[in-house]
Structures are given as C-alpha cells and as structure tokens.
Amino acid sequence: MPTYTRILTPLPDFIILTDEILTQYNASVFLEVKRNDAIINRRIVADDIARFVRSDRDKNLHFYITTLSLEDENSFNFYDDALCKFVIEGRGGRENVSELEMLELRIVSKTPDSIINKISNAINSKLRKDIGYGSLTIKGNYKVFYNKADLGKKKFVYDIYNPLLPIIEIENNED
C-alpha cells in the first residue's frame, strides 16, 4: 500500500484519469476554495472541471479524495481523527505557461479504511499500466509518475510558488 503517490500532471487531468476509479469506489474529490475570509471544500466532478479547477489556484489550497458522504460545499475538517481514515490528501497539480507542479497524494491516517487503500492501489496500478505515463526515481528516492505527452513542453517543479526549489529533470527518451 503506497502512502504517497507523486505524479507530474495537472489536477484537472488527474481527476479525469481517476474518474472511473473514484466512481467504482463511490469516492469524491473536494477542492479547497477561498471564499471571503474562509476556506470551503467544493465537490469537483469530471464533467465540470473547467468551471471549478483553476490551474493557478492559490498556494496551500489542497484537495481531498474521500468516501464520506458530504454536501457539495462544506467546511469539513478532513484531518479529524475519527474521520481521516476515509481521506486521501492531495497537493499540487498547478500549472502556468512554463511550469507544471508535481501532484502529491498522501493517505492521511496511519490506519486507513480498506476502501481508501483500494483507491490508492488502483490509482498506482492505473499509472503503472497506462502507456501514456512513465515513471522514474528522483532525488530522495521518490518514485514519480509523469505524463509522457508533457515531456519537453514545460518545466517540472516541486512547488510552482517556490522558484528556489530545483527543477525535476526527466529525459525524453521517446521517439
């Protein structure tokens, strides 16, 4: 069971890629959104990504995959001890004209629900089997999946808002 999954892909592409898995396990994606001085969670569906998911969304706003039944907009605390076992936290997946930020998934609980484990394993399995994705190990011994179609188009970065971090180097060995 992978605790972390790292992917070089924009969040909208990730949501489309995993939509079938999320539907199979009756899971939803919630995106943190600033509204006035508060942060709310908004359910995101694959059919309506362009309307809700800005590629340049604010720093430190995460997204969550959960099997909990929640309202479409809520202020739920996904880190609550009793409920975090039903949550995968997501960070990153932002992009701008020249950069694509690494998207990172993390199982929040040390004792996650079995369905959350199945979702995490299914995402990793799909990425391993998808011929459109490759993988490599980067500094720190992290395995990272990347969309082969994005090679050479943008710089891959750890954090789009921190230019001091190194660039993630991937050689294009495709014909």
Protein backbone atom coordinates (compact mmCIF):
# COMPACT_ATOMS: atom_id res chain seq x y z
CA MET A 1 0.00 0.00 0.00
CA PRO A 2 1.68 3.23 -1.08
CA THR A 3 1.34 6.03 1.44
CA TYR A 4 2.45 8.67 -1.08
CA THR A 5 1.87 8.87 -4.82
CA ARG A 6 3.62 11.56 -6.84
CA ILE A 7 2.51 12.47 -10.35
CA LEU A 8 3.59 15.19 -12.76
CA THR A 9 0.20 16.10 -14.17
CA PRO A 10 -2.26 18.98 -13.80
CA LEU A 11 -5.09 18.43 -11.31
CA PRO A 12 -7.84 18.52 -13.99
CA ASP A 13 -6.06 15.76 -15.95
CA PHE A 14 -5.65 13.72 -12.76
CA ILE A 15 -9.37 13.99 -11.97
CA ILE A 16 -10.26 12.80 -15.48
CA LEU A 17 -7.68 9.99 -15.27
CA THR A 18 -9.05 8.69 -11.96
CA ASP A 19 -12.77 9.33 -12.54
CA GLU A 20 -13.55 5.68 -13.28
CA ILE A 21 -11.73 4.53 -10.11
CA LEU A 22 -13.47 7.12 -7.96
CA THR A 23 -16.85 6.17 -9.40
CA GLN A 24 -16.16 2.47 -8.81
CA TYR A 25 -15.45 3.08 -5.11
CA ASN A 26 -18.11 5.78 -4.65
CA ALA A 27 -15.48 8.40 -3.80
CA SER A 28 -15.48 12.14 -4.39
CA VAL A 29 -12.88 14.85 -4.89
CA PHE A 30 -13.20 18.03 -2.83
CA LEU A 31 -11.13 21.11 -3.60
CA GLU A 32 -10.35 23.80 -1.03
CA VAL A 33 -11.56 27.18 -2.25
CA LYS A 34 -11.15 30.61 -0.64
CA ARG A 35 -14.44 32.38 -0.12
CA ASN A 36 -14.14 35.78 1.57
CA ASP A 37 -12.02 35.05 4.66
CA ALA A 38 -12.94 31.38 4.92
CA ILE A 39 -11.89 28.21 3.15
CA ILE A 40 -14.61 25.85 1.98
CA ASN A 41 -14.46 22.46 0.31
CA ARG A 42 -16.21 22.12 -3.03
CA ARG A 43 -17.03 18.77 -4.67
CA ILE A 44 -15.45 18.50 -8.11
CA VAL A 45 -16.85 16.27 -10.84
CA ALA A 46 -15.04 15.29 -14.02
CA ASP A 47 -17.76 16.80 -16.23
CA ASP A 48 -17.34 20.26 -14.71
CA ILE A 49 -13.60 20.59 -14.12
CA ALA A 50 -13.00 23.67 -16.25
CA ARG A 51 -15.55 25.67 -14.28
CA PHE A 52 -14.17 24.88 -10.82
CA VAL A 53 -10.48 23.98 -11.06
CA ARG A 54 -8.19 26.89 -11.86
CA SER A 55 -4.72 25.70 -12.85
CA ASP A 56 -3.14 28.60 -10.93
CA ARG A 57 -5.17 28.20 -7.73
CA ASP A 58 -3.79 29.72 -4.56
CA LYS A 59 -0.84 28.32 -2.66
CA ASN A 60 -1.60 25.94 0.22
CA LEU A 61 -5.08 25.05 -1.04
CA HIS A 62 -5.33 21.26 -1.11
CA PHE A 63 -7.79 18.75 -2.49
CA TYR A 64 -9.13 15.57 -0.93
CA ILE A 65 -10.38 12.21 -2.13
CA THR A 66 -12.91 10.76 0.28
CA THR A 67 -15.51 8.04 0.56
CA LEU A 68 -17.51 10.09 3.08
CA SER A 69 -20.95 11.33 2.02
CA LEU A 70 -20.72 15.11 2.28
CA GLU A 71 -22.59 18.12 0.94
CA ASP A 72 -21.28 19.59 -2.34
CA GLU A 73 -19.95 22.61 -0.43
CA ASN A 74 -18.84 22.26 3.17
CA SER A 75 -16.26 23.30 5.75
CA PHE A 76 -15.49 19.74 6.81
CA ASN A 77 -12.17 19.07 8.61
CA PHE A 78 -10.62 16.21 6.65
CA TYR A 79 -7.96 15.80 9.36
CA ASP A 80 -10.43 14.94 12.14
CA ASP A 81 -9.04 11.88 13.99
CA ALA A 82 -12.21 9.84 13.72
CA LEU A 83 -12.74 10.51 10.01
CA CYS A 84 -9.30 10.93 8.41
CA LYS A 85 -9.14 7.19 7.74
CA PHE A 86 -11.58 7.87 4.88
CA VAL A 87 -9.38 10.53 3.23
CA ILE A 88 -6.51 10.87 0.77
CA GLU A 89 -4.97 14.34 0.82
CA GLY A 90 -3.81 15.91 -2.43
CA ARG A 91 -1.42 18.79 -3.01
CA GLY A 92 -0.10 20.45 -6.13
CA GLY A 93 -1.06 19.80 -9.73
CA ARG A 94 -0.93 23.51 -10.58
CA GLU A 95 0.47 24.83 -13.82
CA ASN A 96 1.25 28.06 -15.59
CA VAL A 97 2.55 28.87 -19.07
CA SER A 98 6.00 27.40 -18.44
CA GLU A 99 5.77 25.13 -15.36
CA LEU A 100 3.90 22.06 -14.14
CA GLU A 101 3.86 21.33 -10.42
CA MET A 102 4.14 17.82 -9.01
CA LEU A 103 0.83 16.50 -7.68
CA GLU A 104 1.23 14.52 -4.46
CA LEU A 105 -1.30 12.19 -2.86
CA ARG A 106 -0.99 11.12 0.79
CA ILE A 107 -3.09 8.71 2.80
CA VAL A 108 -3.85 10.79 5.91
CA SER A 109 -4.44 8.06 8.50
CA LYS A 110 -1.94 5.51 9.76
CA THR A 111 -4.88 3.07 9.85
CA PRO A 112 -6.88 3.92 6.71
CA ASP A 113 -10.17 2.37 5.71
CA SER A 114 -9.77 -0.58 3.34
CA ILE A 115 -11.60 1.26 0.53
CA ILE A 116 -9.14 4.17 0.76
CA ASN A 117 -6.29 1.64 0.42
CA LYS A 118 -8.02 0.12 -2.61
CA ILE A 119 -8.41 3.56 -4.22
CA SER A 120 -4.74 4.37 -3.64
CA ASN A 121 -3.64 0.99 -5.02
CA ALA A 122 -5.96 1.33 -8.03
CA ILE A 123 -4.56 4.78 -8.88
CA ASN A 124 -0.99 3.46 -8.69
CA SER A 125 -1.88 0.39 -10.74
CA LYS A 126 -3.56 2.52 -13.42
CA LEU A 127 -0.50 4.77 -13.65
CA ARG A 128 1.86 1.78 -13.92
CA LYS A 129 -0.22 0.18 -16.70
CA ASP A 130 -1.11 3.31 -18.69
CA ILE A 131 1.21 3.54 -21.71
CA GLY A 132 0.79 7.33 -21.67
CA TYR A 133 2.60 7.52 -18.32
CA GLY A 134 6.17 6.74 -17.37
CA SER A 135 7.89 6.62 -14.00
CA LEU A 136 11.30 7.31 -12.58
CA THR A 137 13.03 7.69 -9.24
CA ILE A 138 14.19 11.20 -8.36
CA LYS A 139 16.42 12.63 -5.61
CA GLY A 140 15.35 11.47 -2.19
CA ASN A 141 14.44 8.05 -3.65
CA TYR A 142 10.91 9.16 -4.62
CA LYS A 143 9.06 7.38 -7.39
CA VAL A 144 7.31 9.86 -9.67
CA PHE A 145 4.86 9.16 -12.48
CA TYR A 146 4.75 11.60 -15.40
CA ASN A 147 2.58 12.10 -18.45
CA LYS A 148 4.78 11.38 -21.46
CA ALA A 149 2.82 13.92 -23.53
CA ASP A 150 4.06 16.71 -21.22
CA LEU A 151 7.77 15.98 -21.76
CA GLY A 152 9.59 18.95 -23.23
CA LYS A 153 6.57 21.25 -23.03
CA LYS A 154 7.01 22.63 -19.50
CA LYS A 155 9.48 22.60 -16.64
CA PHE A 156 8.51 20.12 -13.94
CA VAL A 157 8.71 21.69 -10.47
CA TYR A 158 8.09 20.67 -6.86
CA ASP A 159 6.26 23.88 -5.96
CA ILE A 160 5.09 26.41 -8.53
CA TYR A 161 5.27 29.17 -5.90
CA ASN A 162 8.85 28.43 -4.79
CA PRO A 163 11.37 29.13 -7.56
CA LEU A 164 14.28 28.25 -5.24
CA LEU A 165 13.45 24.54 -5.32
CA PRO A 166 15.21 22.50 -8.03
CA ILE A 167 13.60 21.55 -11.31
CA ILE A 168 12.60 17.89 -11.70
CA GLU A 169 14.69 16.54 -14.57
CA ILE A 170 13.22 13.89 -16.87
CA GLU A 171 14.98 12.90 -20.05
CA ASN A 172 12.81 12.43 -23.11
CA ASN A 173 13.71 9.01 -24.48
CA GLU A 174 10.56 8.77 -26.60
CA ASP A 175 10.86 8.63 -30.39
